[in-house]
């Protein structure tokens, strides 16, 4: 005879609210970081396009330093763009699954007349699903903050590139 597994207890209501608050805070912070990083990266790209004539003048003084800064700027911009692409993982799709499973309204004041199709998962698996969703939100926040750091580094490299170009008298 196999002994029955003890059933894990349901998480307390307060803990569920804390998890929800943590999830929304992470999404808000990562959204702000993505917005700032994307804006900074766009300004770097525009700055590089405006100074595209300086690339032709890499035979002037300080050519080696300018080339190194330009290469670092290109690598940093690619890294920032890759991190920004990683932040757009599908975080909201699992959230909509939870919303449908719990029969939560999509808009404030709207209440469905019918239950959502499909099976509502038991409380423990829904809790585990929420924990995985929060882990994905942590990953998104990490990538967004790293992209913000890289974009600000690229902005600093663009300033250095501009100063070196003006000292060298290039483009």
Protein backbone atom coordinates (compact mmCIF):
# COMPACT_ATOMS: atom_id res chain seq x y z
CA UNK A 1 0.00 0.00 0.00
CA UNK A 2 1.40 3.35 -1.05
CA UNK A 3 1.04 6.12 1.51
CA UNK A 4 -0.88 9.11 0.30
CA UNK A 5 1.07 12.24 -0.47
CA UNK A 6 0.37 15.07 1.91
CA UNK A 7 -1.45 17.78 0.04
CA UNK A 8 0.37 21.11 0.13
CA UNK A 9 -1.59 23.83 1.79
CA UNK A 10 -2.96 26.72 -0.20
CA UNK A 11 -0.86 29.87 -0.08
CA UNK A 12 -2.33 32.56 2.14
CA UNK A 13 -4.26 35.40 0.56
CA UNK A 14 -1.70 37.96 1.73
CA UNK A 15 1.12 36.07 0.03
CA UNK A 16 -0.84 36.00 -3.23
CA UNK A 17 -1.34 39.77 -3.05
CA UNK A 18 2.37 40.27 -2.38
CA UNK A 19 3.22 38.16 -5.42
CA UNK A 20 0.84 40.18 -7.56
CA UNK A 21 2.30 43.45 -6.26
CA UNK A 22 5.83 42.21 -6.99
CA UNK A 23 4.82 41.18 -10.51
CA UNK A 24 3.25 44.54 -11.34
CA UNK A 25 6.22 46.43 -9.87
CA UNK A 26 8.66 44.40 -11.96
CA UNK A 27 6.65 44.97 -15.14
CA UNK A 28 6.40 48.71 -14.44
CA UNK A 29 10.13 49.07 -13.76
CA UNK A 30 11.12 46.99 -16.76
CA UNK A 31 8.77 49.01 -18.97
CA UNK A 32 10.41 52.25 -17.86
CA UNK A 33 13.88 50.80 -18.43
CA UNK A 34 12.90 49.59 -21.90
CA UNK A 35 11.52 53.01 -22.78
CA UNK A 36 14.65 54.83 -21.61
CA UNK A 37 17.02 52.31 -23.20
CA UNK A 38 15.14 52.41 -26.51
CA UNK A 39 15.15 56.21 -26.52
CA UNK A 40 18.86 56.40 -25.71
CA UNK A 41 19.66 53.81 -28.38
CA UNK A 42 17.59 55.72 -30.93
CA UNK A 43 19.48 58.92 -30.09
CA UNK A 44 22.79 57.08 -30.49
CA UNK A 45 21.75 55.77 -33.91
CA UNK A 46 20.61 59.24 -35.01
CA UNK A 47 23.91 60.70 -33.74
CA UNK A 48 25.87 58.11 -35.69
CA UNK A 49 23.87 58.81 -38.84
CA UNK A 50 24.47 62.54 -38.47
CA UNK A 51 28.20 61.93 -38.14
CA UNK A 52 28.45 59.32 -40.88
CA UNK A 53 30.83 61.57 -42.85
CA UNK A 54 33.44 61.14 -40.11
CA UNK A 55 33.83 57.46 -41.01
CA UNK A 56 35.35 58.43 -44.35
CA UNK A 57 37.95 60.57 -42.59
CA UNK A 58 39.56 57.80 -40.55
CA UNK A 59 42.97 58.63 -42.08
CA UNK A 60 43.17 61.91 -40.12
CA UNK A 61 44.85 62.31 -36.71
CA UNK A 62 43.52 60.15 -33.87
CA UNK A 63 42.33 57.58 -36.43
CA UNK A 64 43.21 54.60 -34.21
CA UNK A 65 41.37 55.95 -31.16
CA UNK A 66 38.40 56.97 -33.27
CA UNK A 67 38.24 53.52 -34.88
CA UNK A 68 38.33 51.80 -31.47
CA UNK A 69 35.56 54.05 -30.13
CA UNK A 70 33.47 53.48 -33.28
CA UNK A 71 33.85 49.69 -32.98
CA UNK A 72 32.98 49.79 -29.27
CA UNK A 73 29.96 51.93 -30.11
CA UNK A 74 28.79 49.45 -32.74
CA UNK A 75 29.24 46.43 -30.46
CA UNK A 76 27.49 48.22 -27.58
CA UNK A 77 24.57 49.20 -29.78
CA UNK A 78 24.17 45.62 -31.01
CA UNK A 79 24.32 44.28 -27.44
CA UNK A 80 21.72 46.82 -26.32
CA UNK A 81 19.44 45.94 -29.23
CA UNK A 82 19.78 42.22 -28.41
CA UNK A 83 18.89 42.84 -24.75
CA UNK A 84 15.91 44.94 -25.79
CA UNK A 85 14.77 42.10 -28.04
CA UNK A 86 15.02 39.70 -25.09
CA UNK A 87 12.78 41.92 -22.96
CA UNK A 88 9.91 41.46 -25.37
CA UNK A 89 9.40 37.86 -24.33
CA UNK A 90 5.83 36.77 -24.08
CA UNK A 91 5.08 37.78 -20.47
CA UNK A 92 1.53 38.93 -21.06
CA UNK A 93 0.29 35.70 -22.68
CA UNK A 94 0.63 33.66 -19.45
CA UNK A 95 -1.06 36.53 -17.63
CA UNK A 96 -4.05 36.25 -19.94
CA UNK A 97 -4.14 32.48 -19.28
CA UNK A 98 -4.37 33.21 -15.55
CA UNK A 99 -7.04 35.83 -16.18
CA UNK A 100 -9.11 33.34 -18.18
CA UNK A 101 -8.53 30.52 -15.68
CA UNK A 102 -9.74 32.63 -12.79
CA UNK A 103 -12.53 34.20 -14.84
CA UNK A 104 -11.18 37.69 -14.13
CA UNK A 105 -12.56 40.51 -16.28
CA UNK A 106 -10.44 41.93 -19.08
CA UNK A 107 -11.72 45.46 -18.49
CA UNK A 108 -12.83 47.22 -15.33
CA UNK A 109 -16.58 47.05 -14.86
CA UNK A 110 -17.05 44.23 -17.39
CA UNK A 111 -18.25 40.85 -16.16
CA UNK A 112 -18.56 37.80 -18.40
CA UNK A 113 -21.83 35.89 -18.47
CA UNK A 114 -20.16 32.56 -19.19
CA UNK A 115 -17.15 30.86 -17.66
CA UNK A 116 -14.05 30.82 -19.80
CA UNK A 117 -13.68 27.67 -21.87
CA UNK A 118 -11.17 25.14 -20.66
CA UNK A 119 -10.34 23.62 -17.36
CA UNK A 120 -9.47 25.80 -14.39
CA UNK A 121 -6.25 24.45 -12.91
CA UNK A 122 -6.26 23.49 -9.24
CA UNK A 123 -5.06 26.15 -6.81
CA UNK A 124 -1.56 24.76 -6.35
CA UNK A 125 -0.76 24.52 -10.07
CA UNK A 126 -2.18 28.01 -10.60
CA UNK A 127 0.10 29.22 -7.79
CA UNK A 128 3.10 27.53 -9.45
CA UNK A 129 2.12 29.11 -12.76
CA UNK A 130 2.10 32.54 -11.09
CA UNK A 131 5.53 31.84 -9.60
CA UNK A 132 6.88 31.00 -13.08
CA UNK A 133 5.30 34.16 -14.42
CA UNK A 134 7.05 36.20 -11.73
CA UNK A 135 10.33 34.50 -12.63
CA UNK A 136 9.80 35.58 -16.25
CA UNK A 137 9.09 39.12 -15.04
CA UNK A 138 12.39 39.05 -13.10
CA UNK A 139 14.19 37.97 -16.28
CA UNK A 140 12.53 40.75 -18.24
CA UNK A 141 13.52 43.28 -15.58
CA UNK A 142 17.12 42.02 -15.61
CA UNK A 143 17.37 42.28 -19.41
CA UNK A 144 15.72 45.71 -19.46
CA UNK A 145 18.08 47.09 -16.81
CA UNK A 146 21.11 45.65 -18.63
CA UNK A 147 19.88 47.22 -21.88
CA UNK A 148 19.56 50.55 -20.06
CA UNK A 149 23.16 50.31 -18.86
CA UNK A 150 24.41 49.43 -22.34
CA UNK A 151 22.44 52.24 -23.96
CA UNK A 152 23.86 54.80 -21.54
CA UNK A 153 27.34 53.40 -22.24
CA UNK A 154 26.67 53.84 -25.95
CA UNK A 155 25.55 57.41 -25.34
CA UNK A 156 28.83 58.08 -23.52
CA UNK A 157 30.77 56.48 -26.38
CA UNK A 158 28.89 58.69 -28.84
CA UNK A 159 29.91 61.77 -26.87
CA UNK A 160 33.53 60.55 -26.93
CA UNK A 161 33.24 59.84 -30.67
CA UNK A 162 31.93 63.38 -31.25
CA UNK A 163 34.73 64.94 -29.20
CA UNK A 164 37.40 62.91 -31.00
CA UNK A 165 35.89 63.86 -34.37
CA UNK A 166 35.89 67.55 -33.51
CA UNK A 167 39.50 67.40 -32.23
CA UNK A 168 40.61 65.57 -35.38
CA UNK A 169 38.63 67.96 -37.59
CA UNK A 170 36.71 65.13 -39.22
CA UNK A 171 33.35 65.22 -40.90
